Amino acid sequence: MHFYPEKHQRWVEYAQTIPEETGPGVTRRILAYTDGLMCVENTFEKDAVGALHSHPHTQITYVLSGAFAFEIGGETRIVRMGDTLLKEDGVVHGCRCLEAGKLLDIFVPMREDFLEGK
């Protein structure tokens, strides 16, 4: 059985989370969250794009694997496994995947829009 975790769910088993396609070559898994905090995993195929966007949430991204060209606030850098990126609320950001990989995103507060249609 696959499901979206419930808010405040203490244990979230990865194998039971739902991978959702969010764009060509990009999937997202919603992990644990509360009203004030949300953990999300994004998996990218090589050359997949996370379109430039902004939102009213502060976001920290930890690169789990792969390599990405990230743009944050008009500055672009190549990031790899172990790098951490801060995207404060309202700052335009996006990426292009250079080597297939995964990103772990932490949002403050949680992204209610990710749960629409749940």
N, C-alpha and C. Protein backbone atom coordinates (compact mmCIF):
# COMPACT_ATOMS: atom_id res chain seq x y z
N MET A 1 0.84 -1.18 0.00
CA MET A 1 0.00 0.00 0.00
C MET A 1 0.88 1.24 0.00
N HIS A 2 0.61 2.19 -0.88
CA HIS A 2 1.35 3.45 -0.96
C HIS A 2 0.46 4.57 -0.45
N PHE A 3 1.07 5.57 0.17
CA PHE A 3 0.28 6.64 0.76
C PHE A 3 1.10 7.91 0.90
N TYR A 4 0.38 9.01 1.11
CA TYR A 4 1.04 10.24 1.57
C TYR A 4 1.12 10.13 3.07
N PRO A 5 2.23 10.49 3.65
CA PRO A 5 2.28 10.49 5.11
C PRO A 5 1.25 11.49 5.66
N GLU A 6 0.82 11.25 6.86
CA GLU A 6 -0.07 12.18 7.56
C GLU A 6 0.78 13.22 8.27
N LYS A 7 0.21 14.38 8.46
CA LYS A 7 0.89 15.42 9.22
C LYS A 7 1.20 14.88 10.62
N HIS A 8 2.39 15.12 11.10
CA HIS A 8 2.87 14.68 12.42
C HIS A 8 3.11 13.18 12.51
N GLN A 9 3.13 12.49 11.38
CA GLN A 9 3.39 11.04 11.41
C GLN A 9 4.82 10.81 11.86
N ARG A 10 5.00 10.08 12.93
CA ARG A 10 6.32 9.90 13.53
C ARG A 10 7.25 9.04 12.69
N TRP A 11 6.75 7.99 12.09
CA TRP A 11 7.57 7.08 11.29
C TRP A 11 7.03 7.09 9.86
N VAL A 12 7.89 7.39 8.90
CA VAL A 12 7.49 7.37 7.49
C VAL A 12 8.40 6.38 6.77
N GLU A 13 7.84 5.27 6.34
CA GLU A 13 8.62 4.25 5.65
C GLU A 13 8.74 4.63 4.18
N TYR A 14 9.99 4.77 3.73
CA TYR A 14 10.27 5.20 2.36
C TYR A 14 9.56 4.33 1.33
N ALA A 15 9.57 3.03 1.52
CA ALA A 15 9.00 2.10 0.54
C ALA A 15 7.50 2.31 0.35
N GLN A 16 6.85 2.97 1.29
CA GLN A 16 5.42 3.17 1.18
C GLN A 16 5.05 4.58 0.73
N THR A 17 6.03 5.44 0.48
CA THR A 17 5.73 6.78 0.01
C THR A 17 5.46 6.76 -1.50
N ILE A 18 4.79 7.78 -1.96
CA ILE A 18 4.38 7.85 -3.37
C ILE A 18 5.35 8.70 -4.17
N PRO A 19 6.05 8.11 -5.17
CA PRO A 19 6.86 8.96 -6.06
C PRO A 19 5.92 9.59 -7.10
N GLU A 20 5.92 10.92 -7.16
CA GLU A 20 5.05 11.63 -8.10
C GLU A 20 5.90 12.34 -9.14
N GLU A 21 5.53 12.21 -10.40
CA GLU A 21 6.23 12.94 -11.44
C GLU A 21 5.83 14.40 -11.36
N THR A 22 6.83 15.28 -11.30
CA THR A 22 6.57 16.72 -11.21
C THR A 22 7.00 17.45 -12.47
N GLY A 23 7.64 16.73 -13.38
CA GLY A 23 8.09 17.26 -14.65
C GLY A 23 8.85 16.17 -15.36
N PRO A 24 9.22 16.38 -16.61
CA PRO A 24 9.97 15.36 -17.33
C PRO A 24 11.27 15.01 -16.61
N GLY A 25 11.40 13.74 -16.20
CA GLY A 25 12.62 13.28 -15.55
C GLY A 25 12.76 13.67 -14.09
N VAL A 26 11.68 14.15 -13.46
CA VAL A 26 11.75 14.57 -12.06
C VAL A 26 10.60 13.92 -11.29
N THR A 27 10.94 13.28 -10.15
CA THR A 27 9.91 12.75 -9.27
C THR A 27 10.14 13.28 -7.85
N ARG A 28 9.02 13.40 -7.12
CA ARG A 28 9.06 13.93 -5.75
C ARG A 28 8.40 12.92 -4.83
N ARG A 29 8.98 12.76 -3.64
CA ARG A 29 8.39 11.96 -2.57
C ARG A 29 8.21 12.86 -1.36
N ILE A 30 6.99 12.97 -0.87
CA ILE A 30 6.73 13.71 0.36
C ILE A 30 7.06 12.78 1.51
N LEU A 31 7.90 13.26 2.41
CA LEU A 31 8.33 12.47 3.56
C LEU A 31 7.64 13.04 4.81
N ALA A 32 8.29 13.13 5.92
CA ALA A 32 7.68 13.61 7.16
C ALA A 32 7.43 15.11 7.11
N TYR A 33 6.36 15.55 7.81
CA TYR A 33 6.07 16.98 7.87
C TYR A 33 5.14 17.32 9.04
N THR A 34 5.21 18.58 9.42
CA THR A 34 4.30 19.20 10.38
C THR A 34 3.82 20.49 9.73
N ASP A 35 3.03 21.30 10.45
CA ASP A 35 2.62 22.58 9.89
C ASP A 35 3.82 23.48 9.59
N GLY A 36 4.86 23.38 10.42
CA GLY A 36 5.97 24.30 10.30
C GLY A 36 7.17 23.80 9.53
N LEU A 37 7.17 22.53 9.09
CA LEU A 37 8.37 21.93 8.51
C LEU A 37 7.98 20.77 7.61
N MET A 38 8.70 20.62 6.47
CA MET A 38 8.41 19.51 5.55
C MET A 38 9.70 19.01 4.93
N CYS A 39 9.81 17.67 4.83
CA CYS A 39 10.97 17.02 4.22
C CYS A 39 10.49 16.33 2.94
N VAL A 40 11.19 16.61 1.82
CA VAL A 40 10.80 16.11 0.50
C VAL A 40 12.04 15.63 -0.24
N GLU A 41 11.94 14.49 -0.92
CA GLU A 41 13.03 14.00 -1.76
C GLU A 41 12.65 14.19 -3.22
N ASN A 42 13.59 14.73 -4.01
CA ASN A 42 13.40 14.89 -5.45
C ASN A 42 14.47 14.10 -6.18
N THR A 43 14.04 13.29 -7.14
CA THR A 43 14.95 12.48 -7.95
C THR A 43 14.96 13.03 -9.37
N PHE A 44 16.16 13.26 -9.91
CA PHE A 44 16.32 13.85 -11.24
C PHE A 44 17.08 12.91 -12.15
N GLU A 45 16.58 12.76 -13.37
CA GLU A 45 17.34 12.09 -14.42
C GLU A 45 18.28 13.12 -15.03
N LYS A 46 19.36 12.64 -15.66
CA LYS A 46 20.30 13.56 -16.32
C LYS A 46 19.55 14.46 -17.30
N ASP A 47 19.89 15.74 -17.30
CA ASP A 47 19.33 16.79 -18.16
C ASP A 47 17.92 17.24 -17.76
N ALA A 48 17.33 16.66 -16.71
CA ALA A 48 16.02 17.13 -16.25
C ALA A 48 16.19 18.53 -15.65
N VAL A 49 15.11 19.31 -15.72
CA VAL A 49 15.15 20.71 -15.28
C VAL A 49 14.13 20.95 -14.18
N GLY A 50 14.57 21.63 -13.15
CA GLY A 50 13.67 22.20 -12.15
C GLY A 50 13.50 23.66 -12.54
N ALA A 51 12.38 24.00 -13.14
CA ALA A 51 12.17 25.34 -13.70
C ALA A 51 12.36 26.43 -12.64
N LEU A 52 12.83 27.60 -13.09
CA LEU A 52 12.97 28.75 -12.20
C LEU A 52 11.62 29.09 -11.59
N HIS A 53 11.61 29.31 -10.28
CA HIS A 53 10.38 29.63 -9.56
C HIS A 53 10.73 30.24 -8.21
N SER A 54 9.73 30.71 -7.52
CA SER A 54 9.91 31.17 -6.14
C SER A 54 8.65 30.80 -5.37
N HIS A 55 8.73 30.84 -4.05
CA HIS A 55 7.59 30.52 -3.20
C HIS A 55 7.81 31.17 -1.83
N PRO A 56 6.73 31.30 -1.06
CA PRO A 56 6.85 31.95 0.25
C PRO A 56 7.30 31.00 1.36
N HIS A 57 8.28 30.17 1.06
CA HIS A 57 8.82 29.22 2.03
C HIS A 57 10.34 29.33 1.99
N THR A 58 10.99 29.23 3.12
CA THR A 58 12.43 29.08 3.11
C THR A 58 12.72 27.61 2.84
N GLN A 59 13.73 27.36 2.00
CA GLN A 59 14.04 25.99 1.57
C GLN A 59 15.53 25.76 1.70
N ILE A 60 15.89 24.65 2.34
CA ILE A 60 17.27 24.20 2.35
C ILE A 60 17.32 22.91 1.54
N THR A 61 18.26 22.83 0.62
CA THR A 61 18.44 21.64 -0.21
C THR A 61 19.78 21.01 0.12
N TYR A 62 19.76 19.71 0.36
CA TYR A 62 20.97 18.92 0.57
C TYR A 62 21.10 17.99 -0.63
N VAL A 63 22.25 18.01 -1.28
CA VAL A 63 22.48 17.16 -2.45
C VAL A 63 22.88 15.77 -1.97
N LEU A 64 21.98 14.80 -2.17
CA LEU A 64 22.23 13.42 -1.77
C LEU A 64 23.15 12.71 -2.75
N SER A 65 22.97 13.00 -4.06
CA SER A 65 23.79 12.36 -5.10
C SER A 65 23.65 13.16 -6.38
N GLY A 66 24.53 12.87 -7.33
CA GLY A 66 24.47 13.53 -8.63
C GLY A 66 25.18 14.88 -8.65
N ALA A 67 24.94 15.61 -9.73
CA ALA A 67 25.51 16.96 -9.90
C ALA A 67 24.45 17.82 -10.57
N PHE A 68 24.37 19.08 -10.14
CA PHE A 68 23.33 20.00 -10.61
C PHE A 68 23.92 21.37 -10.85
N ALA A 69 23.44 22.06 -11.88
CA ALA A 69 23.73 23.48 -12.07
C ALA A 69 22.54 24.21 -11.45
N PHE A 70 22.75 24.83 -10.31
CA PHE A 70 21.68 25.52 -9.59
C PHE A 70 21.80 27.02 -9.77
N GLU A 71 20.67 27.66 -10.00
CA GLU A 71 20.61 29.12 -10.01
C GLU A 71 19.79 29.55 -8.81
N ILE A 72 20.36 30.45 -8.02
CA ILE A 72 19.66 31.01 -6.87
C ILE A 72 19.88 32.51 -6.90
N GLY A 73 18.80 33.27 -7.02
CA GLY A 73 18.90 34.72 -7.01
C GLY A 73 19.81 35.28 -8.09
N GLY A 74 19.82 34.63 -9.26
CA GLY A 74 20.61 35.11 -10.39
C GLY A 74 22.04 34.61 -10.44
N GLU A 75 22.48 33.86 -9.43
CA GLU A 75 23.84 33.29 -9.40
C GLU A 75 23.75 31.79 -9.65
N THR A 76 24.61 31.26 -10.54
CA THR A 76 24.61 29.84 -10.86
C THR A 76 25.91 29.20 -10.39
N ARG A 77 25.77 28.03 -9.77
CA ARG A 77 26.92 27.24 -9.33
C ARG A 77 26.64 25.76 -9.57
N ILE A 78 27.71 25.00 -9.73
CA ILE A 78 27.61 23.54 -9.84
C ILE A 78 27.70 22.99 -8.42
N VAL A 79 26.73 22.11 -8.07
CA VAL A 79 26.73 21.50 -6.73
C VAL A 79 26.72 19.98 -6.87
N ARG A 80 27.29 19.34 -5.88
CA ARG A 80 27.42 17.88 -5.88
C ARG A 80 27.10 17.31 -4.49
N MET A 81 27.16 15.99 -4.39
CA MET A 81 26.85 15.29 -3.16
C MET A 81 27.48 15.97 -1.94
N GLY A 82 26.65 16.21 -0.93
CA GLY A 82 27.11 16.81 0.31
C GLY A 82 26.95 18.32 0.38
N ASP A 83 26.74 18.98 -0.76
CA ASP A 83 26.56 20.43 -0.75
C ASP A 83 25.17 20.79 -0.24
N THR A 84 25.07 21.95 0.38
CA THR A 84 23.81 22.45 0.93
C THR A 84 23.53 23.83 0.35
N LEU A 85 22.26 24.08 0.01
CA LEU A 85 21.86 25.35 -0.60
C LEU A 85 20.74 25.96 0.21
N LEU A 86 20.79 27.28 0.41
CA LEU A 86 19.73 28.00 1.11
C LEU A 86 18.98 28.87 0.12
N LYS A 87 17.66 28.70 0.09
CA LYS A 87 16.80 29.51 -0.77
C LYS A 87 15.75 30.15 0.14
N GLU A 88 15.96 31.41 0.46
CA GLU A 88 15.03 32.08 1.36
C GLU A 88 13.74 32.41 0.62
N ASP A 89 12.67 32.63 1.38
CA ASP A 89 11.36 32.85 0.77
C ASP A 89 11.40 34.00 -0.22
N GLY A 90 10.78 33.75 -1.37
CA GLY A 90 10.69 34.75 -2.43
C GLY A 90 11.87 34.80 -3.39
N VAL A 91 12.95 34.08 -3.11
CA VAL A 91 14.13 34.10 -3.99
C VAL A 91 13.91 33.14 -5.16
N VAL A 92 14.13 33.62 -6.38
CA VAL A 92 13.96 32.79 -7.58
C VAL A 92 15.10 31.78 -7.66
N HIS A 93 14.73 30.51 -7.93
CA HIS A 93 15.74 29.46 -8.01
C HIS A 93 15.26 28.34 -8.95
N GLY A 94 16.20 27.55 -9.42
CA GLY A 94 15.91 26.42 -10.29
C GLY A 94 17.20 25.69 -10.59
N CYS A 95 17.10 24.57 -11.30
CA CYS A 95 18.31 23.79 -11.57
C CYS A 95 18.18 22.98 -12.85
N ARG A 96 19.35 22.51 -13.30
CA ARG A 96 19.43 21.53 -14.39
C ARG A 96 20.32 20.42 -13.88
N CYS A 97 19.88 19.19 -14.07
CA CYS A 97 20.63 18.04 -13.58
C CYS A 97 21.74 17.67 -14.57
N LEU A 98 22.97 17.68 -14.10
CA LEU A 98 24.13 17.35 -14.94
C LEU A 98 24.47 15.86 -14.87
N GLU A 99 24.26 15.25 -13.70
CA GLU A 99 24.45 13.81 -13.49
C GLU A 99 23.27 13.35 -12.65
N ALA A 100 22.58 12.30 -13.07
CA ALA A 100 21.39 11.84 -12.35
C ALA A 100 21.64 11.84 -10.85
N GLY A 101 20.64 12.30 -10.09
CA GLY A 101 20.84 12.38 -8.66
C GLY A 101 19.57 12.67 -7.88
N LYS A 102 19.77 12.84 -6.57
CA LYS A 102 18.67 13.10 -5.65
C LYS A 102 18.99 14.30 -4.78
N LEU A 103 17.92 15.04 -4.46
CA LEU A 103 18.00 16.20 -3.58
C LEU A 103 17.05 15.98 -2.41
N LEU A 104 17.45 16.39 -1.23
CA LEU A 104 16.57 16.38 -0.06
C LEU A 104 16.26 17.82 0.27
N ASP A 105 14.97 18.18 0.21
CA ASP A 105 14.53 19.54 0.47
C ASP A 105 13.82 19.61 1.81
N ILE A 106 14.15 20.65 2.57
CA ILE A 106 13.48 20.95 3.83
C ILE A 106 12.81 22.31 3.65
N PHE A 107 11.51 22.38 3.90
CA PHE A 107 10.74 23.62 3.73
C PHE A 107 10.21 24.10 5.08
N VAL A 108 10.26 25.42 5.28
CA VAL A 108 9.67 26.06 6.44
C VAL A 108 8.83 27.22 5.94
N PRO A 109 7.52 27.27 6.19
CA PRO A 109 6.70 26.18 6.72
C PRO A 109 6.48 25.10 5.66
N MET A 110 5.66 24.12 6.00
CA MET A 110 5.39 23.02 5.07
C MET A 110 4.72 23.52 3.80
N ARG A 111 4.85 22.77 2.73
CA ARG A 111 4.27 23.12 1.42
C ARG A 111 2.88 22.49 1.30
N GLU A 112 1.87 23.24 1.68
CA GLU A 112 0.49 22.75 1.56
C GLU A 112 0.15 22.43 0.11
N ASP A 113 0.71 23.20 -0.83
CA ASP A 113 0.41 22.97 -2.25
C ASP A 113 0.85 21.58 -2.72
N PHE A 114 1.85 20.99 -2.07
CA PHE A 114 2.29 19.65 -2.45
C PHE A 114 1.25 18.58 -2.10
N LEU A 115 0.34 18.90 -1.18
CA LEU A 115 -0.65 17.93 -0.73
C LEU A 115 -2.02 18.13 -1.36
N GLU A 116 -2.15 19.11 -2.24
CA GLU A 116 -3.44 19.33 -2.90
C GLU A 116 -3.82 18.11 -3.70
N GLY A 117 -5.07 17.69 -3.56
CA GLY A 117 -5.54 16.51 -4.27
C GLY A 117 -5.21 15.23 -3.56
N LYS A 118 -4.67 15.34 -2.35
CA LYS A 118 -4.27 14.16 -1.56
C LYS A 118 -5.45 13.30 -1.26
